[in-house]
Protein backbone atom coordinates (compact mmCIF):
# COMPACT_ATOMS: atom_id res chain seq x y z
CA MET A 1 176.28 14.36 146.01
CA SER A 2 177.33 10.93 144.81
CA ALA A 3 176.11 10.18 141.40
CA SER A 4 175.79 6.48 142.29
CA CYS A 5 173.37 7.40 145.09
CA LEU A 6 171.28 9.60 142.72
CA SER A 7 171.10 6.81 140.19
CA CYS A 8 168.88 4.96 142.59
CA HIS A 9 167.39 7.87 144.65
CA ARG A 10 166.13 9.53 141.49
CA GLU A 11 163.57 11.66 143.24
CA ILE A 12 166.36 13.60 145.00
CA GLY A 13 167.99 14.14 141.62
CA TRP A 14 164.61 15.23 140.22
CA LEU A 15 164.25 17.81 142.91
CA VAL A 16 167.79 19.08 142.72
CA ASP A 17 167.54 19.51 138.92
CA ARG A 18 164.59 21.85 139.65
CA ASN A 19 166.13 23.69 142.57
CA ARG A 20 163.55 22.44 144.87
CA GLY A 21 163.61 21.09 148.39
CA TYR A 22 166.31 20.54 151.06
CA HIS A 23 168.88 18.82 148.89
CA ALA A 24 168.91 21.56 146.27
CA ARG A 25 170.74 23.97 148.80
CA ARG A 26 174.31 24.54 147.67
CA GLU A 27 175.89 23.38 151.02
CA ILE A 28 173.99 20.16 150.78
CA ARG A 29 174.72 19.55 147.12
CA GLU A 30 178.46 19.77 147.76
CA ARG A 31 178.34 17.02 150.45
CA GLU A 32 178.70 13.45 150.07
CA CYS A 33 175.47 11.70 150.85
CA SER A 34 177.23 9.40 153.45
CA ALA A 35 178.01 12.57 155.51
CA CYS A 36 174.46 12.70 156.54
CA HIS A 37 172.98 9.29 155.83
CA PRO A 38 174.00 5.80 157.01
CA ASP A 39 174.50 3.07 154.45
CA HIS A 40 171.85 0.83 153.36
CA ALA A 41 169.70 -0.93 156.01
CA GLY A 42 166.81 -2.02 153.91
CA ALA A 43 164.13 -0.14 151.82
CA ALA A 44 162.00 0.64 154.85
CA PHE A 45 164.88 2.15 156.87
CA ASP A 46 164.64 5.75 157.45
CA LEU A 47 168.03 7.15 156.33
CA ILE A 48 167.46 10.51 157.82
CA ALA A 49 169.32 11.76 160.97
CA TRP A 50 166.75 14.16 162.57
CA PRO A 51 167.97 17.05 164.75
CA GLY A 52 168.05 15.85 168.30
CA GLY A 53 166.60 12.59 166.99
CA ALA A 54 163.07 14.01 166.59
CA ARG A 55 161.62 14.97 163.17
CA GLU A 56 159.41 17.61 164.76
CA ARG A 57 162.60 19.62 165.36
CA PHE A 58 163.40 19.72 161.64
CA ASP A 59 163.74 23.33 160.37
CA HIS A 60 161.26 23.32 157.58
CA ARG A 61 162.57 26.57 156.16
CA THR A 62 165.63 24.62 154.93
CA ALA A 63 163.32 22.53 152.74
CA GLY A 64 162.18 25.84 150.91
CA TRP A 65 158.70 25.73 152.61
CA ALA A 66 158.48 27.60 155.83
CA LEU A 67 155.67 26.50 158.13
CA GLU A 68 153.52 29.56 158.78
CA GLY A 69 150.16 30.14 160.12
CA SER A 70 147.88 27.18 160.75
CA HIS A 71 150.48 24.90 159.08
CA ARG A 72 152.62 25.19 162.23
CA ASP A 73 149.99 23.35 164.15
CA LEU A 74 149.97 20.21 161.94
CA ALA A 75 151.77 16.94 162.62
CA CYS A 76 154.22 15.81 159.92
CA ASP A 77 152.03 12.99 158.81
CA ASP A 78 149.16 15.32 158.27
CA CYS A 79 150.89 16.59 155.24
CA HIS A 80 153.41 13.93 154.25
CA ALA A 81 150.73 11.31 153.50
CA ALA A 82 150.37 9.21 150.39
CA ALA A 83 147.22 11.04 149.31
CA TYR A 84 149.11 14.34 148.98
CA ARG A 85 152.26 12.98 147.37
CA THR A 86 151.26 13.82 143.81
CA SER A 87 154.45 15.16 142.08
CA GLU A 88 156.73 13.24 139.87
CA ALA A 89 159.26 12.89 142.46
CA ALA A 90 156.89 10.70 144.52
CA ALA A 91 156.59 8.37 141.48
CA LEU A 92 160.43 8.08 141.24
CA SER A 93 160.89 7.17 144.94
CA ARG A 94 161.91 3.58 145.76
CA ARG A 95 160.52 3.99 149.31
CA THR A 96 157.47 1.56 149.90
CA SER A 97 156.56 2.37 153.49
CA GLY A 98 156.71 4.91 156.18
CA ALA A 99 156.21 8.67 155.80
CA GLY A 100 157.21 10.21 152.44
CA TRP A 101 159.36 13.35 152.63
CA VAL A 102 159.27 13.97 148.91
CA GLY A 103 156.31 14.24 146.42
CA LEU A 104 154.54 17.15 147.91
CA GLU A 105 153.76 20.25 145.67
CA PRO A 106 153.82 23.80 147.09
CA ALA A 107 150.48 24.66 145.38
CA CYS A 108 147.57 24.97 147.82
CA ALA A 109 145.39 22.75 145.64
CA SER A 110 147.74 19.88 145.93
CA CYS A 111 146.58 19.40 149.51
CA HIS A 112 143.39 21.38 149.62
CA ARG A 113 141.90 20.40 146.34
CA ASP A 114 138.71 19.33 148.11
CA ASP A 115 138.47 22.60 150.03
CA ASP A 116 138.05 24.98 147.17
CA GLU A 117 134.94 26.99 148.14
CA HIS A 118 135.11 28.59 144.68
CA ARG A 119 134.77 25.38 142.77
CA GLY A 120 137.61 26.47 140.43
CA ALA A 121 135.80 29.66 139.39
CA LEU A 122 138.67 31.92 140.62
CA GLY A 123 141.66 29.77 139.49
CA ALA A 124 144.20 27.70 141.45
CA LYS A 125 146.37 30.49 143.03
CA CYS A 126 144.87 30.59 146.37
CA GLU A 127 147.64 32.74 147.82
CA THR A 128 146.52 35.67 145.53
CA CYS A 129 143.74 36.25 148.15
CA HIS A 130 144.45 33.96 151.14
CA ASP A 131 147.29 33.25 153.53
CA SER A 132 148.19 30.32 155.60
CA ARG A 133 146.59 31.73 158.81
CA ASP A 134 142.99 30.93 158.06
CA TRP A 135 140.61 30.52 155.24
CA ALA A 136 138.70 33.60 155.99
CA PRO A 137 139.00 36.49 155.94
CA ALA A 138 141.03 36.77 152.68
CA PRO A 139 143.52 39.44 153.62
CA ARG A 140 145.14 39.78 150.23
CA PHE A 141 141.99 40.03 148.29
CA SER A 142 140.79 43.39 147.05
CA HIS A 143 137.53 43.85 145.20
CA ASP A 144 139.15 46.73 143.30
CA SER A 145 141.10 44.16 141.29
CA THR A 146 137.81 42.74 139.93
CA ASP A 147 135.50 44.23 137.30
CA TYR A 148 133.30 45.52 140.06
CA PRO A 149 135.04 47.71 142.57
CA LEU A 150 133.04 48.19 145.73
CA THR A 151 132.10 51.76 146.36
CA GLY A 152 129.79 53.37 148.91
CA THR A 153 127.59 51.13 151.09
CA HIS A 154 128.54 48.14 148.91
CA ALA A 155 131.92 48.19 150.81
CA ASP A 156 130.07 47.47 153.97
CA ALA A 157 128.08 44.43 152.63
CA SER A 158 129.21 40.96 153.63
CA CYS A 159 130.47 38.64 150.84
CA ASN A 160 127.43 36.48 151.30
CA ASP A 161 125.04 39.28 150.79
CA CYS A 162 125.99 39.28 147.13
CA HIS A 163 127.53 35.86 146.48
CA LEU A 164 124.78 33.97 148.17
CA ALA A 165 121.91 36.14 146.94
CA SER A 166 118.63 34.26 146.38
CA ARG A 167 118.40 35.64 142.84
CA LEU A 168 121.49 33.75 141.80
CA PRO A 169 121.36 30.14 140.32
CA LEU A 170 122.75 28.54 143.52
CA ARG A 171 123.80 25.04 143.74
CA HIS A 172 123.98 22.99 147.13
CA ASP A 173 126.54 20.79 148.46
CA ALA A 174 125.94 17.21 149.84
CA ARG A 175 124.75 18.65 153.10
CA GLY A 176 122.23 20.75 151.44
CA GLN A 177 124.07 24.06 152.00
CA PRO A 178 124.03 26.71 149.22
CA ILE A 179 127.28 27.09 147.51
CA PRO A 180 128.40 30.75 146.99
CA ILE A 181 128.95 32.00 143.47
CA TYR A 182 131.96 34.14 143.01
CA ALA A 183 132.34 34.09 139.31
CA PRO A 184 130.53 34.90 137.22
CA VAL A 185 128.22 37.13 139.16
CA PRO A 186 126.15 39.60 137.00
CA PHE A 187 126.37 43.07 138.02
CA GLN A 188 125.44 45.08 135.01
CA SER A 189 121.92 45.73 136.37
CA CYS A 190 121.23 46.85 140.00
CA GLY A 191 118.09 44.63 139.68
CA THR A 192 120.35 41.54 140.02
CA CYS A 193 120.54 42.24 143.70
CA HIS A 194 118.07 45.09 144.51
CA ASP A 195 114.16 45.30 144.26
CA ASP A 196 112.80 47.99 142.02
CA PRO A 197 110.68 50.24 144.33
CA HIS A 198 109.46 52.08 141.15
CA ARG A 199 108.00 48.81 139.86
CA GLY A 200 109.21 49.49 136.30
CA ARG A 201 107.67 52.96 136.03
CA LEU A 202 111.10 54.62 135.72
CA SER A 203 114.21 53.61 133.95
CA ALA A 204 116.07 50.49 134.63
CA ARG A 205 119.21 52.51 134.76
CA CYS A 206 119.24 53.19 138.59
CA ALA A 207 122.55 54.93 138.38
CA ASP A 208 120.88 57.79 136.44
CA CYS A 209 119.32 58.93 139.73
CA HIS A 210 121.00 57.00 142.57
CA ALA A 211 124.49 56.57 143.97
CA THR A 212 126.13 53.72 145.83
CA THR A 213 126.49 55.96 148.87
CA GLY A 214 122.96 55.49 149.63
CA TRP A 215 119.48 55.07 148.08
CA GLU A 216 118.59 58.70 148.61
CA ALA A 217 121.89 59.98 147.56
CA ALA A 218 122.01 62.16 144.38
CA VAL A 219 124.31 61.26 141.63
CA ASP A 220 127.41 63.59 141.57
CA GLY A 221 125.52 66.04 143.73
CA ARG A 222 122.69 66.46 141.28
CA ARG A 223 119.07 66.06 142.20
CA PHE A 224 116.76 63.62 140.52
CA ASN A 225 115.47 64.94 137.14
CA HIS A 226 111.81 65.26 137.79
CA ASN A 227 111.23 66.37 134.26
CA ARG A 228 111.22 62.74 133.27
CA THR A 229 108.11 62.11 135.24
CA LYS A 230 104.59 63.18 134.42
CA TYR A 231 104.94 66.12 136.72
CA PRO A 232 107.95 68.38 135.72
CA LEU A 233 108.97 70.75 138.51
CA GLU A 234 108.66 74.42 137.74
CA GLY A 235 108.86 77.55 139.58
CA ARG A 236 108.85 77.26 143.46
CA HIS A 237 108.19 73.48 143.04
CA ALA A 238 111.81 72.97 141.99
CA ARG A 239 113.03 74.15 145.30
CA VAL A 240 110.78 72.16 147.48
CA PRO A 241 112.48 69.21 149.41
CA CYS A 242 111.43 65.93 148.07
CA ALA A 243 110.06 64.88 151.57
CA ALA A 244 107.57 67.77 151.30
CA CYS A 245 105.61 65.98 148.64
CA HIS A 246 106.76 62.36 148.90
CA GLY A 247 107.05 62.01 152.69
CA GLN A 248 109.96 60.82 154.83
CA ASP A 249 111.61 57.83 153.32
CA LEU A 250 109.53 58.32 150.20
CA ALA A 251 106.40 56.94 151.86
CA ARG A 252 104.23 58.52 149.10
CA PRO A 253 105.98 57.66 145.86
CA ASN A 254 103.00 58.71 143.72
CA PRO A 255 101.29 61.70 145.26
CA ALA A 256 98.25 63.07 143.33
CA PHE A 257 99.09 66.09 141.17
CA ASP A 258 96.06 66.65 138.93
CA THR A 259 94.89 69.54 141.20
CA CYS A 260 96.65 71.93 143.47
CA ALA A 261 94.43 70.65 146.26
CA GLY A 262 96.37 67.40 146.15
CA CYS A 263 99.15 69.05 148.05
CA HIS A 264 97.85 72.55 149.01
CA ARG A 265 95.12 73.53 151.35
CA ASP A 266 92.54 76.11 149.99
CA PRO A 267 93.52 79.40 151.56
CA HIS A 268 90.26 80.94 150.28
CA ASP A 269 88.06 78.49 152.08
CA GLY A 270 86.10 77.60 148.96
CA THR A 271 85.25 81.21 148.10
CA ALA A 272 87.19 81.24 144.81
CA VAL A 273 84.07 80.58 142.72
CA LEU A 274 83.50 81.94 139.14
CA ALA A 275 80.25 81.61 137.33
CA GLY A 276 79.08 79.27 140.00
CA LYS A 277 82.05 76.85 139.65
CA PRO A 278 85.14 76.44 141.78
CA SER A 279 87.92 78.10 140.04
CA ASP A 280 91.20 76.34 139.14
CA CYS A 281 94.07 77.77 141.20
CA GLY A 282 95.98 78.34 137.96
CA ALA A 283 93.39 80.87 136.87
CA CYS A 284 94.90 83.33 139.49
CA HIS A 285 98.19 81.92 140.60
CA ARG A 286 101.49 80.73 139.07
CA VAL A 287 103.96 78.09 140.32
CA GLU A 288 106.62 80.92 140.60
CA GLY A 289 104.78 82.13 143.62
CA PHE A 290 101.36 82.47 145.35
CA THR A 291 101.56 86.22 144.87
CA PRO A 292 101.04 88.37 142.91
CA SER A 293 97.70 87.16 141.50
CA THR A 294 97.40 86.84 137.68
CA PHE A 295 93.56 87.39 137.76
CA THR A 296 92.68 90.07 135.08
CA VAL A 297 90.00 92.56 134.63
CA ALA A 298 88.74 90.43 131.69
CA GLN A 299 88.33 87.57 134.09
CA HIS A 300 86.47 89.74 136.50
CA ALA A 301 83.66 90.08 133.82
CA ALA A 302 82.69 86.59 134.70
CA ALA A 303 82.32 87.39 138.44
CA PRO A 304 79.15 88.48 140.07
CA TYR A 305 80.49 92.05 140.02
CA PRO A 306 81.82 92.96 136.54
CA LEU A 307 84.12 95.89 136.57
CA GLU A 308 83.13 99.01 134.69
CA GLY A 309 84.30 102.54 134.37
CA ARG A 310 86.71 103.73 137.00
CA HIS A 311 86.44 100.51 138.77
CA THR A 312 88.65 98.90 136.00
CA GLN A 313 91.50 101.17 137.04
CA VAL A 314 91.45 100.44 140.82
CA ALA A 315 94.17 98.23 142.24
CA CYS A 316 92.92 94.79 143.39
CA VAL A 317 93.90 95.35 147.03
CA LYS A 318 91.76 98.43 147.34
CA CYS A 319 88.74 96.25 147.32
CA HIS A 320 90.09 92.74 148.11
CA THR A 321 91.70 93.55 151.42
CA ARG A 322 93.61 91.03 153.52
CA ALA A 323 91.58 88.16 154.90
CA ASP A 324 91.22 88.06 158.59
CA SER A 325 91.85 84.39 159.34
CA PRO A 326 92.43 82.31 156.11
CA ARG A 327 92.92 78.65 156.65
CA GLY A 328 96.25 77.02 155.84
CA ALA A 329 98.02 80.14 154.42
CA ARG A 330 99.78 83.28 155.66
CA PRO A 331 97.14 86.17 156.07
CA ALA A 332 99.53 88.67 154.31
CA ASN A 333 99.29 86.56 151.08
CA VAL A 334 95.55 85.87 151.01
CA ALA A 335 92.91 88.47 149.87
CA ARG A 336 89.17 88.44 150.73
CA LEU A 337 87.42 87.40 147.66
CA ARG A 338 83.77 87.71 148.75
CA MET A 339 82.58 91.00 150.06
CA PRO A 340 79.22 92.87 149.89
CA PHE A 341 78.70 94.96 146.70
CA ALA A 342 75.04 95.54 146.57
CA ARG A 343 75.34 99.16 147.65
CA CYS A 344 77.92 101.72 146.76
CA THR A 345 78.44 102.43 150.48
CA ASP A 346 79.61 98.90 150.99
CA CYS A 347 82.97 100.16 149.65
CA HIS A 348 82.60 104.03 149.45
CA ALA A 349 82.02 106.53 152.09
CA ASP A 350 78.77 108.67 151.77
CA ALA A 351 80.04 111.86 150.31
CA HIS A 352 76.58 113.37 150.96
CA GLY A 353 76.51 112.83 154.63
CA ALA A 354 73.49 110.61 154.62
CA GLN A 355 71.30 113.46 153.10
CA ILE A 356 70.26 111.39 150.19
CA ALA A 357 69.29 108.43 152.45
CA GLU A 358 67.33 110.65 154.82
CA ARG A 359 65.61 112.43 151.89
CA SER A 360 64.82 109.31 150.24
CA GLY A 361 63.32 107.90 153.45
CA GLY A 362 61.50 111.03 154.26
CA GLY A 363 59.78 111.18 150.97
CA SER A 364 57.37 108.39 151.72
CA GLY A 365 56.69 109.52 155.21
CA GLY A 366 55.84 113.07 154.38
CA GLY A 367 57.76 116.28 154.76
CA GLY A 368 57.12 119.64 156.09
C-alpha cells in the first residue's frame, strides 16, 4: 500500500495495523492502492470498484466478517449506517457522505446495544449463548455452566417460568411488559419459586425430603423420615404406602393419629370394653401386628369374668374363638370377645349327663 495514500486515509491504516478488515489481507496489503481504486474524484466519490458493479455481490468473508444467519437478509445500509460506526476508524475517516464501509465493530452490542434483553446482567459477549440465526432459542447456552444446573423436571421448565416468576422484583419496559431477570436470581431456597404445601410445619430444607425429579420422588431412593413428625412410624406402619394414610396426591396431609380409630375400623364392633369403658387398642395389640394379642391374665382381672384356678392356664383361643363376621377385619385374626359365662355349661360339656340338672329340678317337684 502507498504510504502517501495512508497518510490521508488513516482509517485504513488503523485497521491494517490491527489486522482487521478487507485491507489487512496479505494479498491486498502488497498491492498499490491505484490497482483497485481510481484517483481522486472528490470526497464524496465512492472509490470502490464493486464486483460486477454491485455492492451486494461483495464477498463479505474477505472483510473478516462472514454474513451468516439473519445477517444475510439485511441490506448493506442496515448495518453500514452512521449510528453503528462507533470505532476509532470511523473518526479517522475523511469521508463526509454516503455509506461508511469502515467503523463497525464485530461485537454484537455495537449494533444491538438497545436489544439486550438481559440489561447487561450477563455481560456483552452475546455469542457465548446466541448465534446469528435468531435471538431465541440460545443454542450455545447451557445452564450447566451456571451456579444452578437444571436437573429433573427443572430441565423441562421454560425460561420464563423462573426468570419471569411473580416472586421476583420485576421491572417493566416502556410498553408495560415485565422484564425477565436472568442474574442474579436467588435459588438457595425452593421457596423462591415454589409454594410450601406444609405451611411452615416442616423444615425449609425441601431437599431433605424431595428431589427435582418430582414432588413425590424420594431423595436418593430414601423415604421421607417420618420420625421428624409427631407420629414416628413403627412396626407395620413403617411399611405402609404413604397414600394409605395421606390419600392419593397427599390429599390428607394431616390425618388424625391420636387414636387407632382415626385410620382403622374397629374389628370388635365396640365389644372391647373393660370396666365399662372402651379399651384402647394398645392394651391388647402392638404396631408390629394385630396378632398375637398382648392382653394378659392380669388384665383379665378387670373383665366381668376374672380368671381363677385352672382358667388362668387355658389358652385364649380355647374360650375366645374366631368371630363369625367381624366388620372391617379378617375373621381369622379377630376373636369373639363377649360370650356367655353365667353357667359352666356355657363353655363346658356336662360331664354328668344332665343328672344334676334333672335331680335339681325334680327336688322341688317331688320324687318317688
